[in-house]
């Protein structure tokens, strides 16, 4: 099939040319929704890299050996930085979604409370994707929500 006749390619090409500029209010809201979880995730990554005793204790209580903490911090820091760079934001959001999915699985496995612990990574993911959705026209064209 020729790529010019491919309906997906035609949709993406059409949506690139039809992407409306983002309003100032929407842009501010998008960066607030982006910034809140990003600051939390960057802080969490730094804490994993620094390995203070309370982080080591909490990680071990979740069933992970101490030796993986720095690696988790590097992965989290890398994914969050990718998310904050506009050119790689979608990739960063996808990678963070996977990371946060692992956090949900960990909370389920240890039997932590649903709304405060288990769903917290989902709350973060919703904020991450919400901020990206508001500022990224190409993403809005792929997920067209109606008013």
Foldseek 3Di string as FASTA:
>chain_A
DDLVPDPVSVLLVVLVVVQDAADPVLLVLLVVLQPPLLVVLLVQLVCLLVVDPVVCVVCVLLPDHNVCSNVLSVQSNVLSVLCVPVVRNVVSLVSLVVVLVVQLVSCVVSVHDCPPRNCVSVVSSCSSVSSCCSRPSSVCSVVPDDD
